[in-house]
Amino acid sequence: MNRIKEVLEEKGIKQTWLAEKLGKSYNMVNGYVQNRQQPRLEVLYEIAKILDVNPKDLLKEDLND
């Protein structure tokens, strides 16, 4: 599970903007945001770099959250 949705909301960033910066489709990014699919580790690091956060900030530590 990831926290991409929460980080986007905290920063006021739209999924469409992130998709454009990543060079991925909106549907792909939306799958990450909705936790329907998880990004590969390389993509997670790229998302963290784009959002200017630590990659750990994009991960949920407790799966019960």
PDB file of N, CA and C in Angstrom:
ATOM      1  N   MET A   1       0.846  -1.185   0.000  1.00  0.00           N
ATOM      2  CA  MET A   1       0.000   0.000   0.000  1.00  0.00           C
ATOM      3  C   MET A   1       0.891   1.247   0.000  1.00  0.00           C
ATOM      4  N   ASN A   2       0.408   2.281  -0.682  1.00  0.00           N
ATOM      5  CA  ASN A   2       1.200   3.503  -0.738  1.00  0.00           C
ATOM      6  C   ASN A   2       0.381   4.711  -0.288  1.00  0.00           C
ATOM      7  N   ARG A   3       1.080   5.808  -0.086  1.00  0.00           N
ATOM      8  CA  ARG A   3       0.482   7.061   0.364  1.00  0.00           C
ATOM      9  C   ARG A   3       0.528   8.135  -0.723  1.00  0.00           C
ATOM     10  N   ILE A   4       0.618   7.734  -1.965  1.00  0.00           N
ATOM     11  CA  ILE A   4       0.737   8.714  -3.042  1.00  0.00           C
ATOM     12  C   ILE A   4      -0.455   9.678  -3.022  1.00  0.00           C
ATOM     13  N   LYS A   5      -1.648   9.151  -2.823  1.00  0.00           N
ATOM     14  CA  LYS A   5      -2.841   9.996  -2.804  1.00  0.00           C
ATOM     15  C   LYS A   5      -2.732  11.064  -1.720  1.00  0.00           C
ATOM     16  N   GLU A   6      -2.335  10.661  -0.523  1.00  0.00           N
ATOM     17  CA  GLU A   6      -2.230  11.608   0.589  1.00  0.00           C
ATOM     18  C   GLU A   6      -1.189  12.684   0.306  1.00  0.00           C
ATOM     19  N   VAL A   7      -0.046  12.274  -0.239  1.00  0.00           N
ATOM     20  CA  VAL A   7       1.017  13.241  -0.526  1.00  0.00           C
ATOM     21  C   VAL A   7       0.567  14.219  -1.614  1.00  0.00           C
ATOM     22  N   LEU A   8      -0.108  13.731  -2.633  1.00  0.00           N
ATOM     23  CA  LEU A   8      -0.624  14.623  -3.677  1.00  0.00           C
ATOM     24  C   LEU A   8      -1.587  15.639  -3.079  1.00  0.00           C
ATOM     25  N   GLU A   9      -2.479  15.178  -2.201  1.00  0.00           N
ATOM     26  CA  GLU A   9      -3.452  16.079  -1.577  1.00  0.00           C
ATOM     27  C   GLU A   9      -2.753  17.106  -0.692  1.00  0.00           C
ATOM     28  N   GLU A  10      -1.768  16.651   0.086  1.00  0.00           N
ATOM     29  CA  GLU A  10      -1.024  17.567   0.964  1.00  0.00           C
ATOM     30  C   GLU A  10      -0.347  18.677   0.169  1.00  0.00           C
ATOM     31  N   LYS A  11       0.150  18.332  -1.006  1.00  0.00           N
ATOM     32  CA  LYS A  11       0.890  19.293  -1.823  1.00  0.00           C
ATOM     33  C   LYS A  11      -0.004  20.020  -2.836  1.00  0.00           C
ATOM     34  N   GLY A  12      -1.267  19.635  -2.913  1.00  0.00           N
ATOM     35  CA  GLY A  12      -2.180  20.278  -3.857  1.00  0.00           C
ATOM     36  C   GLY A  12      -1.845  19.976  -5.303  1.00  0.00           C
ATOM     37  N   ILE A  13      -1.353  18.765  -5.555  1.00  0.00           N
ATOM     38  CA  ILE A  13      -0.930  18.371  -6.907  1.00  0.00           C
ATOM     39  C   ILE A  13      -1.958  17.411  -7.500  1.00  0.00           C
ATOM     40  N   LYS A  14      -2.248  17.614  -8.774  1.00  0.00           N
ATOM     41  CA  LYS A  14      -3.215  16.778  -9.491  1.00  0.00           C
ATOM     42  C   LYS A  14      -2.535  15.545 -10.083  1.00  0.00           C
ATOM     43  N   GLN A  15      -3.312  14.485 -10.175  1.00  0.00           N
ATOM     44  CA  GLN A  15      -2.811  13.239 -10.771  1.00  0.00           C
ATOM     45  C   GLN A  15      -2.391  13.450 -12.215  1.00  0.00           C
ATOM     46  N   THR A  16      -3.103  14.301 -12.926  1.00  0.00           N
ATOM     47  CA  THR A  16      -2.763  14.540 -14.335  1.00  0.00           C
ATOM     48  C   THR A  16      -1.367  15.148 -14.451  1.00  0.00           C
ATOM     49  N   TRP A  17      -1.020  16.065 -13.537  1.00  0.00           N
ATOM     50  CA  TRP A  17       0.306  16.684 -13.537  1.00  0.00           C
ATOM     51  C   TRP A  17       1.371  15.635 -13.274  1.00  0.00           C
ATOM     52  N   LEU A  18       1.130  14.781 -12.278  1.00  0.00           N
ATOM     53  CA  LEU A  18       2.093  13.732 -11.950  1.00  0.00           C
ATOM     54  C   LEU A  18       2.258  12.776 -13.130  1.00  0.00           C
ATOM     55  N   ALA A  19       1.168  12.411 -13.760  1.00  0.00           N
ATOM     56  CA  ALA A  19       1.227  11.505 -14.915  1.00  0.00           C
ATOM     57  C   ALA A  19       2.082  12.109 -16.021  1.00  0.00           C
ATOM     58  N   GLU A  20       1.903  13.405 -16.254  1.00  0.00           N
ATOM     59  CA  GLU A  20       2.685  14.092 -17.296  1.00  0.00           C
ATOM     60  C   GLU A  20       4.172  14.089 -16.947  1.00  0.00           C
ATOM     61  N   LYS A  21       4.504  14.402 -15.694  1.00  0.00           N
ATOM     62  CA  LYS A  21       5.900  14.439 -15.265  1.00  0.00           C
ATOM     63  C   LYS A  21       6.546  13.060 -15.321  1.00  0.00           C
ATOM     64  N   LEU A  22       5.762  12.022 -15.022  1.00  0.00           N
ATOM     65  CA  LEU A  22       6.279  10.648 -15.039  1.00  0.00           C
ATOM     66  C   LEU A  22       6.372  10.076 -16.450  1.00  0.00           C
ATOM     67  N   GLY A  23       5.612  10.681 -17.376  1.00  0.00           N
ATOM     68  CA  GLY A  23       5.544  10.121 -18.725  1.00  0.00           C
ATOM     69  C   GLY A  23       4.699   8.859 -18.758  1.00  0.00           C
ATOM     70  N   LYS A  24       3.702   8.816 -17.867  1.00  0.00           N
ATOM     71  CA  LYS A  24       2.794   7.669 -17.792  1.00  0.00           C
ATOM     72  C   LYS A  24       1.374   8.153 -18.025  1.00  0.00           C
ATOM     73  N   SER A  25       0.488   7.233 -18.340  1.00  0.00           N
ATOM     74  CA  SER A  25      -0.901   7.607 -18.576  1.00  0.00           C
ATOM     75  C   SER A  25      -1.582   7.972 -17.259  1.00  0.00           C
ATOM     76  N   TYR A  26      -2.632   8.778 -17.378  1.00  0.00           N
ATOM     77  CA  TYR A  26      -3.431   9.124 -16.202  1.00  0.00           C
ATOM     78  C   TYR A  26      -3.967   7.853 -15.544  1.00  0.00           C
ATOM     79  N   ASN A  27      -4.417   6.899 -16.360  1.00  0.00           N
ATOM     80  CA  ASN A  27      -4.983   5.658 -15.811  1.00  0.00           C
ATOM     81  C   ASN A  27      -3.958   4.887 -14.989  1.00  0.00           C
ATOM     82  N   MET A  28      -2.716   4.876 -15.426  1.00  0.00           N
ATOM     83  CA  MET A  28      -1.654   4.189 -14.694  1.00  0.00           C
ATOM     84  C   MET A  28      -1.443   4.874 -13.338  1.00  0.00           C
ATOM     85  N   VAL A  29      -1.302   6.190 -13.365  1.00  0.00           N
ATOM     86  CA  VAL A  29      -1.094   6.940 -12.120  1.00  0.00           C
ATOM     87  C   VAL A  29      -2.305   6.799 -11.205  1.00  0.00           C
ATOM     88  N   ASN A  30      -3.497   6.836 -11.763  1.00  0.00           N
ATOM     89  CA  ASN A  30      -4.701   6.672 -10.958  1.00  0.00           C
ATOM     90  C   ASN A  30      -4.717   5.296 -10.286  1.00  0.00           C
ATOM     91  N   GLY A  31      -4.219   4.284 -10.975  1.00  0.00           N
ATOM     92  CA  GLY A  31      -4.108   2.948 -10.364  1.00  0.00           C
ATOM     93  C   GLY A  31      -3.180   2.964  -9.164  1.00  0.00           C
ATOM     94  N   TYR A  32      -2.088   3.709  -9.253  1.00  0.00           N
ATOM     95  CA  TYR A  32      -1.173   3.851  -8.109  1.00  0.00           C
ATOM     96  C   TYR A  32      -1.866   4.585  -6.965  1.00  0.00           C
ATOM     97  N   VAL A  33      -2.515   5.699  -7.306  1.00  0.00           N
ATOM     98  CA  VAL A  33      -3.143   6.562  -6.303  1.00  0.00           C
ATOM     99  C   VAL A  33      -4.254   5.816  -5.569  1.00  0.00           C
ATOM    100  N   GLN A  34      -5.011   5.014  -6.292  1.00  0.00           N
ATOM    101  CA  GLN A  34      -6.123   4.272  -5.690  1.00  0.00           C
ATOM    102  C   GLN A  34      -5.679   2.934  -5.091  1.00  0.00           C
ATOM    103  N   ASN A  35      -4.388   2.655  -5.155  1.00  0.00           N
ATOM    104  CA  ASN A  35      -3.821   1.405  -4.639  1.00  0.00           C
ATOM    105  C   ASN A  35      -4.394   0.164  -5.315  1.00  0.00           C
ATOM    106  N   ARG A  36      -4.812   0.317  -6.573  1.00  0.00           N
ATOM    107  CA  ARG A  36      -5.231  -0.854  -7.344  1.00  0.00           C
ATOM    108  C   ARG A  36      -4.013  -1.596  -7.871  1.00  0.00           C
ATOM    109  N   GLN A  37      -2.924  -0.852  -8.052  1.00  0.00           N
ATOM    110  CA  GLN A  37      -1.650  -1.456  -8.430  1.00  0.00           C
ATOM    111  C   GLN A  37      -0.542  -0.645  -7.800  1.00  0.00           C
ATOM    112  N   GLN A  38       0.596  -1.286  -7.616  1.00  0.00           N
ATOM    113  CA  GLN A  38       1.731  -0.633  -6.975  1.00  0.00           C
ATOM    114  C   GLN A  38       2.812  -0.353  -8.016  1.00  0.00           C
ATOM    115  N   PRO A  39       3.414   0.831  -7.930  1.00  0.00           N
ATOM    116  CA  PRO A  39       4.492   1.138  -8.876  1.00  0.00           C
ATOM    117  C   PRO A  39       5.737   0.302  -8.591  1.00  0.00           C
ATOM    118  N   ARG A  40       6.493   0.022  -9.628  1.00  0.00           N
ATOM    119  CA  ARG A  40       7.797  -0.629  -9.429  1.00  0.00           C
ATOM    120  C   ARG A  40       8.644   0.284  -8.555  1.00  0.00           C
ATOM    121  N   LEU A  41       9.634  -0.274  -7.928  1.00  0.00           N
ATOM    122  CA  LEU A  41      10.487   0.489  -7.018  1.00  0.00           C
ATOM    123  C   LEU A  41      11.123   1.688  -7.720  1.00  0.00           C
ATOM    124  N   GLU A  42      11.576   1.488  -8.952  1.00  0.00           N
ATOM    125  CA  GLU A  42      12.193   2.584  -9.693  1.00  0.00           C
ATOM    126  C   GLU A  42      11.201   3.728  -9.899  1.00  0.00           C
ATOM    127  N   VAL A  43       9.957   3.376 -10.188  1.00  0.00           N
ATOM    128  CA  VAL A  43       8.920   4.382 -10.414  1.00  0.00           C
ATOM    129  C   VAL A  43       8.581   5.082  -9.103  1.00  0.00           C
ATOM    130  N   LEU A  44       8.537   4.346  -8.018  1.00  0.00           N
ATOM    131  CA  LEU A  44       8.268   4.937  -6.708  1.00  0.00           C
ATOM    132  C   LEU A  44       9.331   5.987  -6.375  1.00  0.00           C
ATOM    133  N   TYR A  45      10.591   5.665  -6.643  1.00  0.00           N
ATOM    134  CA  TYR A  45      11.676   6.622  -6.399  1.00  0.00           C
ATOM    135  C   TYR A  45      11.538   7.843  -7.306  1.00  0.00           C
ATOM    136  N   GLU A  46      11.109   7.625  -8.542  1.00  0.00           N
ATOM    137  CA  GLU A  46      10.921   8.738  -9.464  1.00  0.00           C
ATOM    138  C   GLU A  46       9.773   9.647  -8.984  1.00  0.00           C
ATOM    139  N   ILE A  47       8.694   9.037  -8.506  1.00  0.00           N
ATOM    140  CA  ILE A  47       7.570   9.805  -7.964  1.00  0.00           C
ATOM    141  C   ILE A  47       8.042  10.630  -6.768  1.00  0.00           C
ATOM    142  N   ALA A  48       8.819  10.019  -5.880  1.00  0.00           N
ATOM    143  CA  ALA A  48       9.331  10.723  -4.698  1.00  0.00           C
ATOM    144  C   ALA A  48      10.179  11.921  -5.114  1.00  0.00           C
ATOM    145  N   LYS A  49      11.008  11.731  -6.126  1.00  0.00           N
ATOM    146  CA  LYS A  49      11.865  12.824  -6.599  1.00  0.00           C
ATOM    147  C   LYS A  49      11.013  13.961  -7.160  1.00  0.00           C
ATOM    148  N   ILE A  50      10.024  13.621  -7.963  1.00  0.00           N
ATOM    149  CA  ILE A  50       9.143  14.632  -8.559  1.00  0.00           C
ATOM    150  C   ILE A  50       8.387  15.398  -7.479  1.00  0.00           C
ATOM    151  N   LEU A  51       7.921  14.675  -6.454  1.00  0.00           N
ATOM    152  CA  LEU A  51       7.133  15.300  -5.384  1.00  0.00           C
ATOM    153  C   LEU A  51       8.009  15.908  -4.298  1.00  0.00           C
ATOM    154  N   ASP A  52       9.317  15.731  -4.417  1.00  0.00           N
ATOM    155  CA  ASP A  52      10.275  16.270  -3.451  1.00  0.00           C
ATOM    156  C   ASP A  52      10.002  15.753  -2.037  1.00  0.00           C
ATOM    157  N   VAL A  53       9.856  14.421  -1.948  1.00  0.00           N
ATOM    158  CA  VAL A  53       9.677  13.771  -0.647  1.00  0.00           C
ATOM    159  C   VAL A  53      10.619  12.569  -0.571  1.00  0.00           C
ATOM    160  N   ASN A  54      10.811  12.074   0.624  1.00  0.00           N
ATOM    161  CA  ASN A  54      11.584  10.854   0.823  1.00  0.00           C
ATOM    162  C   ASN A  54      10.735   9.688   0.322  1.00  0.00           C
ATOM    163  N   PRO A  55      11.315   8.733  -0.398  1.00  0.00           N
ATOM    164  CA  PRO A  55      10.524   7.588  -0.862  1.00  0.00           C
ATOM    165  C   PRO A  55       9.764   6.896   0.269  1.00  0.00           C
ATOM    166  N   LYS A  56      10.336   6.891   1.469  1.00  0.00           N
ATOM    167  CA  LYS A  56       9.647   6.263   2.612  1.00  0.00           C
ATOM    168  C   LYS A  56       8.338   6.962   2.927  1.00  0.00           C
ATOM    169  N   ASP A  57       8.251   8.259   2.591  1.00  0.00           N
ATOM    170  CA  ASP A  57       7.014   9.010   2.848  1.00  0.00           C
ATOM    171  C   ASP A  57       5.867   8.548   1.961  1.00  0.00           C
ATOM    172  N   LEU A  58       6.191   7.814   0.913  1.00  0.00           N
ATOM    173  CA  LEU A  58       5.157   7.319   0.006  1.00  0.00           C
ATOM    174  C   LEU A  58       4.653   5.929   0.389  1.00  0.00           C
ATOM    175  N   LEU A  59       5.228   5.359   1.412  1.00  0.00           N
ATOM    176  CA  LEU A  59       4.867   4.002   1.829  1.00  0.00           C
ATOM    177  C   LEU A  59       4.144   4.006   3.162  1.00  0.00           C
ATOM    178  N   LYS A  60       3.159   3.138   3.272  1.00  0.00           N
ATOM    179  CA  LYS A  60       2.480   2.958   4.552  1.00  0.00           C
ATOM    180  C   LYS A  60       3.251   1.901   5.330  1.00  0.00           C
ATOM    181  N   GLU A  61       3.580   2.222   6.575  1.00  0.00           N
ATOM    182  CA  GLU A  61       4.334   1.273   7.378  1.00  0.00           C
ATOM    183  C   GLU A  61       3.447   0.152   7.901  1.00  0.00           C
ATOM    184  N   ASP A  62       2.216   0.504   8.256  1.00  0.00           N
ATOM    185  CA  ASP A  62       1.286  -0.471   8.806  1.00  0.00           C
ATOM    186  C   ASP A  62       0.174  -0.712   7.798  1.00  0.00           C
ATOM    187  N   LEU A  63       0.039  -1.939   7.349  1.00  0.00           N
ATOM    188  CA  LEU A  63      -0.970  -2.247   6.328  1.00  0.00           C
ATOM    189  C   LEU A  63      -2.390  -2.104   6.870  1.00  0.00           C
ATOM    190  N   ASN A  64      -2.559  -1.930   8.183  1.00  0.00           N
ATOM    191  CA  ASN A  64      -3.882  -1.756   8.752  1.00  0.00           C
ATOM    192  C   ASN A  64      -4.345  -0.306   8.713  1.00  0.00           C
ATOM    193  N   ASP A  65      -3.479   0.603   8.268  1.00  0.00           N
ATOM    194  CA  ASP A  65      -3.856   2.029   8.199  1.00  0.00           C
ATOM    195  C   ASP A  65      -4.901   2.245   7.132  1.00  0.00           C
TER     196      ASP A  65
END
